[in-house]
Amino acid sequence: MKIMPKYVYECTNCGAELEVVHSMKEKLKDCEECDTIESLRRIPSFSFLREDPASSRSPGRKVKDFIEESRDELKKERRNLQKKEYNDV
């Protein structure tokens, strides 16, 4: 499986922005929004995450923390939805 990078382009004519996934060899030039030829410019973007090397949390701990945070958010959302159902009746 190939992983294709995501690029962000901006039209110099109409200002439209679009995100496109394509190979590194490709480069878009024409805006589909305003049909202007050679009006797209690539906006530099960084699509990777860099971890702080000083981070001492293990991957297992990160997963556990994420699960706990998600569980807490789900409980809050469940309570909010239950209150809303009773208020709407």
PDB file of N, CA and C in Angstrom:
ATOM      1  N   MET A   1       0.848  -1.171   0.000  1.00  0.00           N
ATOM      2  CA  MET A   1       0.000   0.000   0.000  1.00  0.00           C
ATOM      3  C   MET A   1       0.894   1.235   0.000  1.00  0.00           C
ATOM      4  N   LYS A   2       0.603   2.165  -0.912  1.00  0.00           N
ATOM      5  CA  LYS A   2       1.332   3.424  -0.971  1.00  0.00           C
ATOM      6  C   LYS A   2       0.612   4.470  -0.145  1.00  0.00           C
ATOM      7  N   ILE A   3       1.384   5.254   0.577  1.00  0.00           N
ATOM      8  CA  ILE A   3       0.822   6.370   1.322  1.00  0.00           C
ATOM      9  C   ILE A   3       1.134   7.629   0.536  1.00  0.00           C
ATOM     10  N   MET A   4       0.090   8.344   0.170  1.00  0.00           N
ATOM     11  CA  MET A   4       0.255   9.549  -0.629  1.00  0.00           C
ATOM     12  C   MET A   4       0.213  10.771   0.283  1.00  0.00           C
ATOM     13  N   PRO A   5       1.081  11.736   0.028  1.00  0.00           N
ATOM     14  CA  PRO A   5       1.057  12.957   0.839  1.00  0.00           C
ATOM     15  C   PRO A   5      -0.121  13.849   0.490  1.00  0.00           C
ATOM     16  N   LYS A   6      -0.524  14.667   1.453  1.00  0.00           N
ATOM     17  CA  LYS A   6      -1.626  15.605   1.255  1.00  0.00           C
ATOM     18  C   LYS A   6      -1.034  16.988   1.034  1.00  0.00           C
ATOM     19  N   TYR A   7      -1.536  17.678   0.018  1.00  0.00           N
ATOM     20  CA  TYR A   7      -1.059  19.018  -0.314  1.00  0.00           C
ATOM     21  C   TYR A   7      -2.204  20.016  -0.222  1.00  0.00           C
ATOM     22  N   VAL A   8      -1.874  21.237   0.147  1.00  0.00           N
ATOM     23  CA  VAL A   8      -2.852  22.317   0.214  1.00  0.00           C
ATOM     24  C   VAL A   8      -2.479  23.329  -0.866  1.00  0.00           C
ATOM     25  N   TYR A   9      -3.474  23.695  -1.671  1.00  0.00           N
ATOM     26  CA  TYR A   9      -3.270  24.671  -2.735  1.00  0.00           C
ATOM     27  C   TYR A   9      -4.184  25.863  -2.506  1.00  0.00           C
ATOM     28  N   GLU A  10      -3.742  27.019  -2.997  1.00  0.00           N
ATOM     29  CA  GLU A  10      -4.557  28.223  -2.953  1.00  0.00           C
ATOM     30  C   GLU A  10      -4.568  28.837  -4.343  1.00  0.00           C
ATOM     31  N   CYS A  11      -5.749  29.282  -4.766  1.00  0.00           N
ATOM     32  CA  CYS A  11      -5.889  29.932  -6.061  1.00  0.00           C
ATOM     33  C   CYS A  11      -5.533  31.412  -5.899  1.00  0.00           C
ATOM     34  N   THR A  12      -4.633  31.890  -6.736  1.00  0.00           N
ATOM     35  CA  THR A  12      -4.239  33.298  -6.674  1.00  0.00           C
ATOM     36  C   THR A  12      -5.305  34.203  -7.285  1.00  0.00           C
ATOM     37  N   ASN A  13      -6.259  33.606  -7.998  1.00  0.00           N
ATOM     38  CA  ASN A  13      -7.318  34.397  -8.622  1.00  0.00           C
ATOM     39  C   ASN A  13      -8.537  34.559  -7.708  1.00  0.00           C
ATOM     40  N   CYS A  14      -9.094  33.436  -7.233  1.00  0.00           N
ATOM     41  CA  CYS A  14     -10.330  33.507  -6.450  1.00  0.00           C
ATOM     42  C   CYS A  14     -10.107  33.279  -4.956  1.00  0.00           C
ATOM     43  N   GLY A  15      -8.910  32.829  -4.547  1.00  0.00           N
ATOM     44  CA  GLY A  15      -8.613  32.621  -3.138  1.00  0.00           C
ATOM     45  C   GLY A  15      -9.078  31.290  -2.581  1.00  0.00           C
ATOM     46  N   ALA A  16      -9.633  30.437  -3.419  1.00  0.00           N
ATOM     47  CA  ALA A  16     -10.116  29.131  -2.954  1.00  0.00           C
ATOM     48  C   ALA A  16      -8.943  28.287  -2.462  1.00  0.00           C
ATOM     49  N   GLU A  17      -9.185  27.520  -1.398  1.00  0.00           N
ATOM     50  CA  GLU A  17      -8.186  26.595  -0.884  1.00  0.00           C
ATOM     51  C   GLU A  17      -8.708  25.181  -1.035  1.00  0.00           C
ATOM     52  N   LEU A  18      -7.813  24.260  -1.390  1.00  0.00           N
ATOM     53  CA  LEU A  18      -8.218  22.873  -1.498  1.00  0.00           C
ATOM     54  C   LEU A  18      -7.104  21.967  -1.030  1.00  0.00           C
ATOM     55  N   GLU A  19      -7.504  20.859  -0.434  1.00  0.00           N
ATOM     56  CA  GLU A  19      -6.574  19.835   0.009  1.00  0.00           C
ATOM     57  C   GLU A  19      -6.672  18.671  -0.956  1.00  0.00           C
ATOM     58  N   VAL A  20      -5.519  18.233  -1.439  1.00  0.00           N
ATOM     59  CA  VAL A  20      -5.488  17.179  -2.443  1.00  0.00           C
ATOM     60  C   VAL A  20      -4.441  16.147  -2.033  1.00  0.00           C
ATOM     61  N   VAL A  21      -4.765  14.884  -2.258  1.00  0.00           N
ATOM     62  CA  VAL A  21      -3.817  13.811  -2.014  1.00  0.00           C
ATOM     63  C   VAL A  21      -3.324  13.330  -3.367  1.00  0.00           C
ATOM     64  N   HIS A  22      -2.019  13.434  -3.582  1.00  0.00           N
ATOM     65  CA  HIS A  22      -1.428  12.942  -4.822  1.00  0.00           C
ATOM     66  C   HIS A  22       0.042  12.656  -4.614  1.00  0.00           C
ATOM     67  N   SER A  23       0.681  12.090  -5.616  1.00  0.00           N
ATOM     68  CA  SER A  23       2.094  11.739  -5.483  1.00  0.00           C
ATOM     69  C   SER A  23       2.957  12.997  -5.453  1.00  0.00           C
ATOM     70  N   MET A  24       4.191  12.821  -5.025  1.00  0.00           N
ATOM     71  CA  MET A  24       5.101  13.955  -4.926  1.00  0.00           C
ATOM     72  C   MET A  24       5.457  14.522  -6.301  1.00  0.00           C
ATOM     73  N   LYS A  25       5.355  13.711  -7.326  1.00  0.00           N
ATOM     74  CA  LYS A  25       5.724  14.152  -8.677  1.00  0.00           C
ATOM     75  C   LYS A  25       4.661  15.041  -9.304  1.00  0.00           C
ATOM     76  N   GLU A  26       3.423  14.891  -8.860  1.00  0.00           N
ATOM     77  CA  GLU A  26       2.329  15.690  -9.422  1.00  0.00           C
ATOM     78  C   GLU A  26       2.330  17.094  -8.843  1.00  0.00           C
ATOM     79  N   LYS A  27       1.776  18.022  -9.615  1.00  0.00           N
ATOM     80  CA  LYS A  27       1.578  19.380  -9.118  1.00  0.00           C
ATOM     81  C   LYS A  27       0.391  19.967  -9.872  1.00  0.00           C
ATOM     82  N   LEU A  28      -0.597  20.423  -9.111  1.00  0.00           N
ATOM     83  CA  LEU A  28      -1.770  21.024  -9.726  1.00  0.00           C
ATOM     84  C   LEU A  28      -1.456  22.452 -10.139  1.00  0.00           C
ATOM     85  N   LYS A  29      -2.071  22.896 -11.235  1.00  0.00           N
ATOM     86  CA  LYS A  29      -1.831  24.247 -11.721  1.00  0.00           C
ATOM     87  C   LYS A  29      -3.116  25.023 -11.938  1.00  0.00           C
ATOM     88  N   ASP A  30      -4.181  24.333 -12.357  1.00  0.00           N
ATOM     89  CA  ASP A  30      -5.415  25.005 -12.755  1.00  0.00           C
ATOM     90  C   ASP A  30      -6.474  24.901 -11.660  1.00  0.00           C
ATOM     91  N   CYS A  31      -7.144  26.031 -11.390  1.00  0.00           N
ATOM     92  CA  CYS A  31      -8.196  26.074 -10.377  1.00  0.00           C
ATOM     93  C   CYS A  31      -9.507  25.586 -10.981  1.00  0.00           C
ATOM     94  N   GLU A  32     -10.118  24.599 -10.322  1.00  0.00           N
ATOM     95  CA  GLU A  32     -11.409  24.082 -10.785  1.00  0.00           C
ATOM     96  C   GLU A  32     -12.564  24.962 -10.332  1.00  0.00           C
ATOM     97  N   GLU A  33     -12.343  25.773  -9.297  1.00  0.00           N
ATOM     98  CA  GLU A  33     -13.403  26.650  -8.785  1.00  0.00           C
ATOM     99  C   GLU A  33     -13.722  27.772  -9.764  1.00  0.00           C
ATOM    100  N   CYS A  34     -12.680  28.458 -10.232  1.00  0.00           N
ATOM    101  CA  CYS A  34     -12.912  29.611 -11.110  1.00  0.00           C
ATOM    102  C   CYS A  34     -12.426  29.364 -12.537  1.00  0.00           C
ATOM    103  N   ASP A  35     -11.971  28.140 -12.829  1.00  0.00           N
ATOM    104  CA  ASP A  35     -11.495  27.756 -14.165  1.00  0.00           C
ATOM    105  C   ASP A  35     -10.353  28.638 -14.671  1.00  0.00           C
ATOM    106  N   THR A  36      -9.501  29.090 -13.767  1.00  0.00           N
ATOM    107  CA  THR A  36      -8.348  29.890 -14.166  1.00  0.00           C
ATOM    108  C   THR A  36      -7.150  28.972 -14.363  1.00  0.00           C
ATOM    109  N   ILE A  37      -6.441  29.161 -15.453  1.00  0.00           N
ATOM    110  CA  ILE A  37      -5.298  28.321 -15.801  1.00  0.00           C
ATOM    111  C   ILE A  37      -4.053  28.826 -15.074  1.00  0.00           C
ATOM    112  N   GLU A  38      -3.301  27.881 -14.528  1.00  0.00           N
ATOM    113  CA  GLU A  38      -2.044  28.131 -13.827  1.00  0.00           C
ATOM    114  C   GLU A  38      -2.167  29.182 -12.721  1.00  0.00           C
ATOM    115  N   SER A  39      -3.216  29.043 -11.912  1.00  0.00           N
ATOM    116  CA  SER A  39      -3.431  30.003 -10.835  1.00  0.00           C
ATOM    117  C   SER A  39      -3.240  29.402  -9.443  1.00  0.00           C
ATOM    118  N   LEU A  40      -2.945  28.107  -9.376  1.00  0.00           N
ATOM    119  CA  LEU A  40      -2.790  27.468  -8.063  1.00  0.00           C
ATOM    120  C   LEU A  40      -1.345  27.544  -7.600  1.00  0.00           C
ATOM    121  N   ARG A  41      -1.204  27.822  -6.301  1.00  0.00           N
ATOM    122  CA  ARG A  41       0.118  27.758  -5.689  1.00  0.00           C
ATOM    123  C   ARG A  41       0.021  26.841  -4.484  1.00  0.00           C
ATOM    124  N   ARG A  42       1.056  26.078  -4.288  1.00  0.00           N
ATOM    125  CA  ARG A  42       1.073  25.132  -3.177  1.00  0.00           C
ATOM    126  C   ARG A  42       1.445  25.874  -1.906  1.00  0.00           C
ATOM    127  N   ILE A  43       0.655  25.632  -0.859  1.00  0.00           N
ATOM    128  CA  ILE A  43       0.912  26.234   0.440  1.00  0.00           C
ATOM    129  C   ILE A  43       1.704  25.225   1.259  1.00  0.00           C
ATOM    130  N   PRO A  44       2.841  25.636   1.809  1.00  0.00           N
ATOM    131  CA  PRO A  44       3.615  24.692   2.623  1.00  0.00           C
ATOM    132  C   PRO A  44       2.785  24.199   3.801  1.00  0.00           C
ATOM    133  N   SER A  45       2.811  22.914   4.024  1.00  0.00           N
ATOM    134  CA  SER A  45       2.095  22.334   5.163  1.00  0.00           C
ATOM    135  C   SER A  45       2.926  21.205   5.734  1.00  0.00           C
ATOM    136  N   PHE A  46       2.752  20.993   6.998  1.00  0.00           N
ATOM    137  CA  PHE A  46       3.479  19.941   7.683  1.00  0.00           C
ATOM    138  C   PHE A  46       2.463  18.946   8.208  1.00  0.00           C
ATOM    139  N   SER A  47       2.490  17.759   7.683  1.00  0.00           N
ATOM    140  CA  SER A  47       1.479  16.774   8.036  1.00  0.00           C
ATOM    141  C   SER A  47       2.009  15.688   8.958  1.00  0.00           C
ATOM    142  N   PHE A  48       3.071  15.990   9.669  1.00  0.00           N
ATOM    143  CA  PHE A  48       3.579  14.999  10.597  1.00  0.00           C
ATOM    144  C   PHE A  48       3.555  15.560  12.008  1.00  0.00           C
ATOM    145  N   LEU A  49       3.536  14.662  12.954  1.00  0.00           N
ATOM    146  CA  LEU A  49       3.564  15.046  14.360  1.00  0.00           C
ATOM    147  C   LEU A  49       4.932  14.693  14.916  1.00  0.00           C
ATOM    148  N   ARG A  50       5.494  15.604  15.619  1.00  0.00           N
ATOM    149  CA  ARG A  50       6.795  15.365  16.223  1.00  0.00           C
ATOM    150  C   ARG A  50       6.607  15.294  17.725  1.00  0.00           C
ATOM    151  N   GLU A  51       7.083  14.233  18.302  1.00  0.00           N
ATOM    152  CA  GLU A  51       6.971  14.057  19.745  1.00  0.00           C
ATOM    153  C   GLU A  51       8.147  14.718  20.432  1.00  0.00           C
ATOM    154  N   ASP A  52       7.878  15.193  21.603  1.00  0.00           N
ATOM    155  CA  ASP A  52       8.936  15.749  22.424  1.00  0.00           C
ATOM    156  C   ASP A  52       9.820  14.593  22.881  1.00  0.00           C
ATOM    157  N   PRO A  53      11.109  14.648  22.560  1.00  0.00           N
ATOM    158  CA  PRO A  53      11.979  13.533  22.960  1.00  0.00           C
ATOM    159  C   PRO A  53      12.055  13.358  24.469  1.00  0.00           C
ATOM    160  N   ALA A  54      11.754  14.406  25.205  1.00  0.00           N
ATOM    161  CA  ALA A  54      11.804  14.308  26.664  1.00  0.00           C
ATOM    162  C   ALA A  54      10.564  13.616  27.225  1.00  0.00           C
ATOM    163  N   SER A  55       9.604  13.321  26.361  1.00  0.00           N
ATOM    164  CA  SER A  55       8.375  12.685  26.825  1.00  0.00           C
ATOM    165  C   SER A  55       8.691  11.295  27.374  1.00  0.00           C
ATOM    166  N   SER A  56       8.230  11.049  28.577  1.00  0.00           N
ATOM    167  CA  SER A  56       8.549   9.772  29.218  1.00  0.00           C
ATOM    168  C   SER A  56       7.377   8.805  29.181  1.00  0.00           C
ATOM    169  N   ARG A  57       6.272   9.226  28.573  1.00  0.00           N
ATOM    170  CA  ARG A  57       5.107   8.340  28.537  1.00  0.00           C
ATOM    171  C   ARG A  57       5.315   7.249  27.494  1.00  0.00           C
ATOM    172  N   SER A  58       5.074   6.036  27.888  1.00  0.00           N
ATOM    173  CA  SER A  58       5.196   4.915  26.969  1.00  0.00           C
ATOM    174  C   SER A  58       3.966   4.880  26.069  1.00  0.00           C
ATOM    175  N   PRO A  59       4.060   4.204  24.916  1.00  0.00           N
ATOM    176  CA  PRO A  59       2.885   4.102  24.041  1.00  0.00           C
ATOM    177  C   PRO A  59       1.684   3.493  24.757  1.00  0.00           C
ATOM    178  N   GLY A  60       1.927   2.502  25.596  1.00  0.00           N
ATOM    179  CA  GLY A  60       0.828   1.884  26.342  1.00  0.00           C
ATOM    180  C   GLY A  60       0.152   2.866  27.275  1.00  0.00           C
ATOM    181  N   ARG A  61       0.943   3.722  27.903  1.00  0.00           N
ATOM    182  CA  ARG A  61       0.394   4.723  28.820  1.00  0.00           C
ATOM    183  C   ARG A  61      -0.405   5.765  28.048  1.00  0.00           C
ATOM    184  N   LYS A  62       0.076   6.143  26.865  1.00  0.00           N
ATOM    185  CA  LYS A  62      -0.638   7.112  26.028  1.00  0.00           C
ATOM    186  C   LYS A  62      -2.005   6.562  25.635  1.00  0.00           C
ATOM    187  N   VAL A  63      -2.046   5.283  25.260  1.00  0.00           N
ATOM    188  CA  VAL A  63      -3.310   4.655  24.881  1.00  0.00           C
ATOM    189  C   VAL A  63      -4.254   4.605  26.071  1.00  0.00           C
ATOM    190  N   LYS A  64      -3.737   4.227  27.216  1.00  0.00           N
ATOM    191  CA  LYS A  64      -4.562   4.156  28.424  1.00  0.00           C
ATOM    192  C   LYS A  64      -5.125   5.528  28.774  1.00  0.00           C
ATOM    193  N   ASP A  65      -4.293   6.573  28.699  1.00  0.00           N
ATOM    194  CA  ASP A  65      -4.750   7.939  28.981  1.00  0.00           C
ATOM    195  C   ASP A  65      -5.840   8.365  28.001  1.00  0.00           C
ATOM    196  N   PHE A  66      -5.646   8.046  26.728  1.00  0.00           N
ATOM    197  CA  PHE A  66      -6.640   8.396  25.720  1.00  0.00           C
ATOM    198  C   PHE A  66      -7.969   7.703  25.995  1.00  0.00           C
ATOM    199  N   ILE A  67      -7.916   6.437  26.344  1.00  0.00           N
ATOM    200  CA  ILE A  67      -9.136   5.686  26.642  1.00  0.00           C
ATOM    201  C   ILE A  67      -9.857   6.297  27.840  1.00  0.00           C
ATOM    202  N   GLU A  68      -9.110   6.653  28.884  1.00  0.00           N
ATOM    203  CA  GLU A  68      -9.730   7.248  30.067  1.00  0.00           C
ATOM    204  C   GLU A  68     -10.362   8.605  29.746  1.00  0.00           C
ATOM    205  N   GLU A  69      -9.662   9.434  28.968  1.00  0.00           N
ATOM    206  CA  GLU A  69     -10.209  10.740  28.580  1.00  0.00           C
ATOM    207  C   GLU A  69     -11.478  10.566  27.742  1.00  0.00           C
ATOM    208  N   SER A  70     -11.437   9.615  26.820  1.00  0.00           N
ATOM    209  CA  SER A  70     -12.602   9.358  25.965  1.00  0.00           C
ATOM    210  C   SER A  70     -13.772   8.849  26.791  1.00  0.00           C
ATOM    211  N   ARG A  71     -13.502   7.988  27.735  1.00  0.00           N
ATOM    212  CA  ARG A  71     -14.548   7.444  28.593  1.00  0.00           C
ATOM    213  C   ARG A  71     -15.225   8.566  29.383  1.00  0.00           C
ATOM    214  N   ASP A  72     -14.415   9.487  29.935  1.00  0.00           N
ATOM    215  CA  ASP A  72     -14.969  10.617  30.684  1.00  0.00           C
ATOM    216  C   ASP A  72     -15.829  11.502  29.787  1.00  0.00           C
ATOM    217  N   GLU A  73     -15.355  11.771  28.568  1.00  0.00           N
ATOM    218  CA  GLU A  73     -16.126  12.591  27.626  1.00  0.00           C
ATOM    219  C   GLU A  73     -17.449  11.917  27.263  1.00  0.00           C
ATOM    220  N   LEU A  74     -17.411  10.602  27.064  1.00  0.00           N
ATOM    221  CA  LEU A  74     -18.633   9.870  26.728  1.00  0.00           C
ATOM    222  C   LEU A  74     -19.642   9.907  27.878  1.00  0.00           C
ATOM    223  N   LYS A  75     -19.153   9.787  29.109  1.00  0.00           N
ATOM    224  CA  LYS A  75     -20.055   9.860  30.258  1.00  0.00           C
ATOM    225  C   LYS A  75     -20.727  11.222  30.339  1.00  0.00           C
ATOM    226  N   LYS A  76     -19.959  12.289  30.137  1.00  0.00           N
ATOM    227  CA  LYS A  76     -20.524  13.645  30.158  1.00  0.00           C
ATOM    228  C   LYS A  76     -21.556  13.818  29.049  1.00  0.00           C
ATOM    229  N   GLU A  77     -21.236  13.341  27.876  1.00  0.00           N
ATOM    230  CA  GLU A  77     -22.157  13.475  26.745  1.00  0.00           C
ATOM    231  C   GLU A  77     -23.429  12.671  26.994  1.00  0.00           C
ATOM    232  N   ARG A  78     -23.304  11.477  27.563  1.00  0.00           N
ATOM    233  CA  ARG A  78     -24.465  10.646  27.871  1.00  0.00           C
ATOM    234  C   ARG A  78     -25.392  11.359  28.855  1.00  0.00           C
ATOM    235  N   ARG A  79     -24.791  11.967  29.902  1.00  0.00           N
ATOM    236  CA  ARG A  79     -25.601  12.717  30.876  1.00  0.00           C
ATOM    237  C   ARG A  79     -26.317  13.886  30.213  1.00  0.00           C
ATOM    238  N   ASN A  80     -25.610  14.614  29.345  1.00  0.00           N
ATOM    239  CA  ASN A  80     -26.219  15.749  28.647  1.00  0.00           C
ATOM    240  C   ASN A  80     -27.378  15.308  27.763  1.00  0.00           C
ATOM    241  N   LEU A  81     -27.196  14.188  27.084  1.00  0.00           N
ATOM    242  CA  LEU A  81     -28.266  13.691  26.216  1.00  0.00           C
ATOM    243  C   LEU A  81     -29.464  13.217  27.025  1.00  0.00           C
ATOM    244  N   GLN A  82     -29.218  12.580  28.169  1.00  0.00           N
ATOM    245  CA  GLN A  82     -30.323  12.127  29.007  1.00  0.00           C
ATOM    246  C   GLN A  82     -31.112  13.316  29.537  1.00  0.00           C
ATOM    247  N   LYS A  83     -30.431  14.371  29.945  1.00  0.00           N
ATOM    248  CA  LYS A  83     -31.112  15.575  30.424  1.00  0.00           C
ATOM    249  C   LYS A  83     -31.921  16.203  29.304  1.00  0.00           C
ATOM    250  N   LYS A  84     -31.378  16.219  28.121  1.00  0.00           N
ATOM    251  CA  LYS A  84     -32.066  16.835  26.996  1.00  0.00           C
ATOM    252  C   LYS A  84     -33.347  16.069  26.650  1.00  0.00           C
ATOM    253  N   GLU A  85     -33.278  14.741  26.683  1.00  0.00           N
ATOM    254  CA  GLU A  85     -34.479  13.953  26.381  1.00  0.00           C
ATOM    255  C   GLU A  85     -35.589  14.246  27.369  1.00  0.00           C
ATOM    256  N   TYR A  86     -35.268  14.360  28.652  1.00  0.00           N
ATOM    257  CA  TYR A  86     -36.289  14.625  29.650  1.00  0.00           C
ATOM    258  C   TYR A  86     -36.831  16.037  29.543  1.00  0.00           C
ATOM    259  N   ASN A  87     -35.991  16.968  29.187  1.00  0.00           N
ATOM    260  CA  ASN A  87     -36.438  18.371  29.042  1.00  0.00           C
ATOM    261  C   ASN A  87     -37.318  18.567  27.823  1.00  0.00           C
ATOM    262  N   ASP A  88     -37.096  17.787  26.766  1.00  0.00           N
ATOM    263  CA  ASP A  88     -37.869  17.943  25.535  1.00  0.00           C
ATOM    264  C   ASP A  88     -39.236  17.294  25.609  1.00  0.00           C
ATOM    265  N   VAL A  89     -39.450  16.379  26.561  1.00  0.00           N
ATOM    266  CA  VAL A  89     -40.716  15.652  26.646  1.00  0.00           C
ATOM    267  C   VAL A  89     -41.810  16.485  27.221  1.00  0.00           C
TER     268      VAL A  89
END
